Protein backbone atom coordinates (compact mmCIF):
# COMPACT_ATOMS: atom_id res chain seq x y z
CA MET A 1 -133.76 -54.75 -114.58
CA SER A 2 -135.81 -55.14 -111.51
CA ALA A 3 -139.18 -55.99 -112.02
CA ALA A 4 -139.94 -52.65 -110.23
CA SER A 5 -137.89 -50.13 -112.48
CA SER A 6 -139.16 -48.90 -115.75
CA PRO A 7 -137.04 -47.36 -118.52
CA ALA A 8 -139.41 -44.65 -117.37
CA THR A 9 -138.73 -44.71 -113.37
CA ASN A 10 -135.07 -45.90 -114.86
CA VAL A 11 -133.79 -42.95 -116.86
CA LYS A 12 -133.27 -40.48 -115.30
CA GLN A 13 -131.09 -38.12 -117.65
CA VAL A 14 -129.31 -36.81 -121.05
CA VAL A 15 -126.27 -35.57 -121.08
CA PRO A 16 -124.96 -34.56 -124.94
CA PHE A 17 -120.99 -36.42 -125.10
CA PHE A 18 -119.05 -34.06 -127.39
CA TRP A 19 -116.28 -34.78 -129.00
CA VAL A 20 -113.63 -31.91 -129.32
CA ILE A 21 -110.90 -31.08 -131.80
CA ASP A 22 -108.56 -28.84 -128.39
CA LEU A 23 -110.40 -29.39 -125.16
CA ASP A 24 -108.84 -26.86 -123.28
CA LEU A 25 -110.29 -24.04 -125.92
CA SER A 26 -113.36 -25.88 -125.51
CA LEU A 27 -113.71 -26.27 -121.99
CA ARG A 28 -112.46 -21.73 -121.78
CA PHE A 29 -115.24 -21.04 -124.25
CA TYR A 30 -117.93 -22.93 -121.84
CA THR A 31 -116.86 -21.84 -118.65
CA GLU A 32 -115.49 -18.57 -119.25
CA GLY A 33 -117.72 -17.56 -122.57
CA LEU A 34 -120.92 -19.26 -122.03
CA GLY A 35 -120.72 -19.83 -117.45
CA PHE A 36 -120.46 -23.52 -117.16
CA THR A 37 -118.55 -25.37 -114.17
CA VAL A 38 -117.13 -28.38 -113.91
CA LYS A 39 -118.98 -31.07 -112.07
CA HIS A 40 -116.32 -34.19 -112.72
CA LYS A 41 -113.08 -34.57 -115.04
CA TRP A 42 -110.73 -36.79 -115.41
CA VAL A 43 -106.96 -35.70 -115.10
CA VAL A 44 -104.18 -37.89 -116.78
CA ASP A 45 -100.69 -36.87 -116.55
CA GLU A 46 -102.38 -33.28 -114.91
CA LYS A 47 -104.16 -32.01 -118.66
CA THR A 48 -107.82 -32.46 -118.08
CA ARG A 49 -109.22 -35.77 -120.93
CA TRP A 50 -112.75 -35.26 -120.18
CA CYS A 51 -115.70 -33.89 -118.13
CA TRP A 52 -118.45 -32.77 -117.32
CA LEU A 53 -120.29 -29.30 -117.53
CA GLU A 54 -123.42 -27.72 -115.97
CA LEU A 55 -125.03 -24.76 -116.94
CA GLY A 56 -128.59 -24.46 -114.56
CA GLY A 57 -130.10 -27.75 -114.84
CA ALA A 58 -128.51 -28.41 -117.99
CA ALA A 59 -124.96 -30.54 -118.42
CA LEU A 60 -123.03 -31.48 -120.99
CA MET A 61 -119.76 -33.99 -121.00
CA LEU A 62 -116.76 -32.82 -123.33
CA GLN A 63 -113.46 -35.10 -124.51
CA GLU A 64 -110.42 -34.18 -126.22
CA TYR A 65 -110.06 -36.26 -129.42
CA LEU A 66 -106.60 -39.08 -130.17
CA LYS A 67 -104.53 -37.12 -132.71
CA SER A 68 -104.84 -40.54 -135.20
CA ARG A 69 -108.45 -40.06 -134.32
CA ILE A 70 -109.88 -36.91 -136.01
CA PRO A 71 -112.36 -36.89 -138.11
CA GLU A 72 -111.61 -34.82 -141.57
CA GLY A 73 -114.75 -32.06 -141.52
CA THR A 74 -115.73 -30.12 -139.09
CA VAL A 75 -116.43 -32.18 -136.01
CA GLY A 76 -120.03 -30.86 -134.71
CA GLN A 77 -121.32 -29.94 -138.37
CA GLY A 78 -125.10 -31.21 -138.36
CA VAL A 79 -125.53 -31.87 -134.52
CA SER A 80 -128.08 -29.14 -131.96
CA LEU A 81 -128.94 -28.59 -128.81
CA CYS A 82 -131.55 -26.70 -127.60
CA PHE A 83 -131.30 -25.36 -124.13
CA GLN A 84 -134.74 -24.13 -122.17
CA CYS A 85 -134.00 -21.15 -120.52
CA GLU A 86 -136.30 -18.52 -118.56
CA ASP A 87 -134.69 -15.60 -120.19
CA ALA A 88 -132.89 -16.52 -124.23
CA VAL A 89 -132.52 -12.59 -124.60
CA ALA A 90 -130.66 -12.09 -121.83
CA LEU A 91 -128.56 -14.41 -122.63
CA TYR A 92 -127.64 -12.71 -125.46
CA HIS A 93 -126.59 -9.94 -123.61
CA GLU A 94 -124.81 -12.14 -121.76
CA PHE A 95 -122.92 -14.37 -124.14
CA LYS A 96 -121.51 -11.12 -126.48
CA SER A 97 -120.49 -8.97 -123.57
CA ARG A 98 -117.55 -11.59 -122.74
CA GLY A 99 -117.16 -11.23 -126.46
CA ILE A 100 -119.50 -14.18 -127.61
CA ALA A 101 -120.42 -14.84 -131.31
CA VAL A 102 -124.01 -15.53 -131.13
CA SER A 103 -126.78 -14.72 -133.47
CA GLU A 104 -129.62 -11.76 -132.96
CA PRO A 105 -132.77 -13.82 -131.08
CA PHE A 106 -135.57 -13.86 -132.45
CA VAL A 107 -139.22 -15.51 -132.28
CA GLY A 108 -139.40 -18.90 -134.00
CA ASN A 109 -142.36 -21.81 -132.82
CA SER A 110 -143.16 -19.38 -129.62
CA MET A 111 -139.61 -18.88 -128.40
CA TRP A 112 -137.19 -16.24 -128.38
CA ASP A 113 -133.71 -18.33 -130.37
CA THR A 114 -130.78 -17.30 -129.93
CA ALA A 115 -127.98 -19.47 -130.68
CA LEU A 116 -124.46 -19.35 -131.85
CA SER A 117 -121.47 -22.10 -132.67
CA ASP A 118 -118.94 -24.09 -130.47
CA PRO A 119 -115.09 -23.93 -131.61
CA ASP A 120 -115.41 -27.57 -133.44
CA GLY A 121 -118.69 -26.42 -134.99
CA TYR A 122 -121.79 -27.75 -132.11
CA ARG A 123 -124.45 -25.86 -132.83
CA LEU A 124 -126.11 -24.51 -129.12
CA HIS A 125 -129.77 -22.96 -129.15
CA PHE A 126 -131.27 -20.76 -126.09
CA GLU A 127 -134.30 -20.75 -126.25
CA SER A 128 -137.16 -19.38 -124.11
CA PRO A 129 -140.91 -19.07 -124.27
CA THR A 130 -142.66 -15.50 -125.49
CA ALA A 131 -145.94 -14.29 -126.94
CA VAL A 132 -144.13 -12.06 -129.33
CA ARG A 133 -145.19 -12.50 -133.15
CA GLU A 134 -144.10 -15.02 -135.11
CA GLU A 135 -140.68 -14.16 -137.18
CA THR A 136 -140.02 -10.74 -134.94
CA LYS A 137 -135.92 -9.91 -134.66
CA LEU A 138 -135.30 -8.44 -130.86
CA SER A 139 -133.87 -5.29 -134.08
CA ASP A 140 -137.53 -5.06 -134.89
CA LEU A 141 -138.37 -4.22 -130.47
CA HIS A 142 -135.52 -1.89 -130.49
CA PRO A 143 -134.75 -0.10 -132.77
C-alpha cells in the first residue's frame, strides 16, 4: 500500500456475495421481484454464472453453486442484510404488489423495518428512520 493511502481511504465499498442454488430463479427474484438491475455478469456457454446487482446505492453479487458443492441445509440461514432506505413502508407496498412475501412493517430501533427471504433463505431487511413509537406495526396506524 502506498504511503499516501490507508485502509480508511483505500476501501470504497463492501458488496455481499451470495452463493445460490438456482441463479436463474434468484435473478428473477432480485430483478423482477425487488427491482434490482444487473450491472455486471459473467456468461459461459450462454448461461450467466455470476452477476453484480444494484438497487439504488446498494449492490450484491450472486453466483450459482456447482452441483457437486451445494451444502446441506438452508444456504442463507443466519445471514441478513439491512438496506437503509428513504421509505421502507413504500417498498413493502411495492414488493407486495409484485407478489413477494414480505413481513408487515414494524418500528424497531427508531426505524420502520420490513423483511423478506430470498429463494436461498438469505434474510433481507429494508429499513427507514421514523419518529413513530417503538414496536408499532403498520396495521396499528391503518387498521
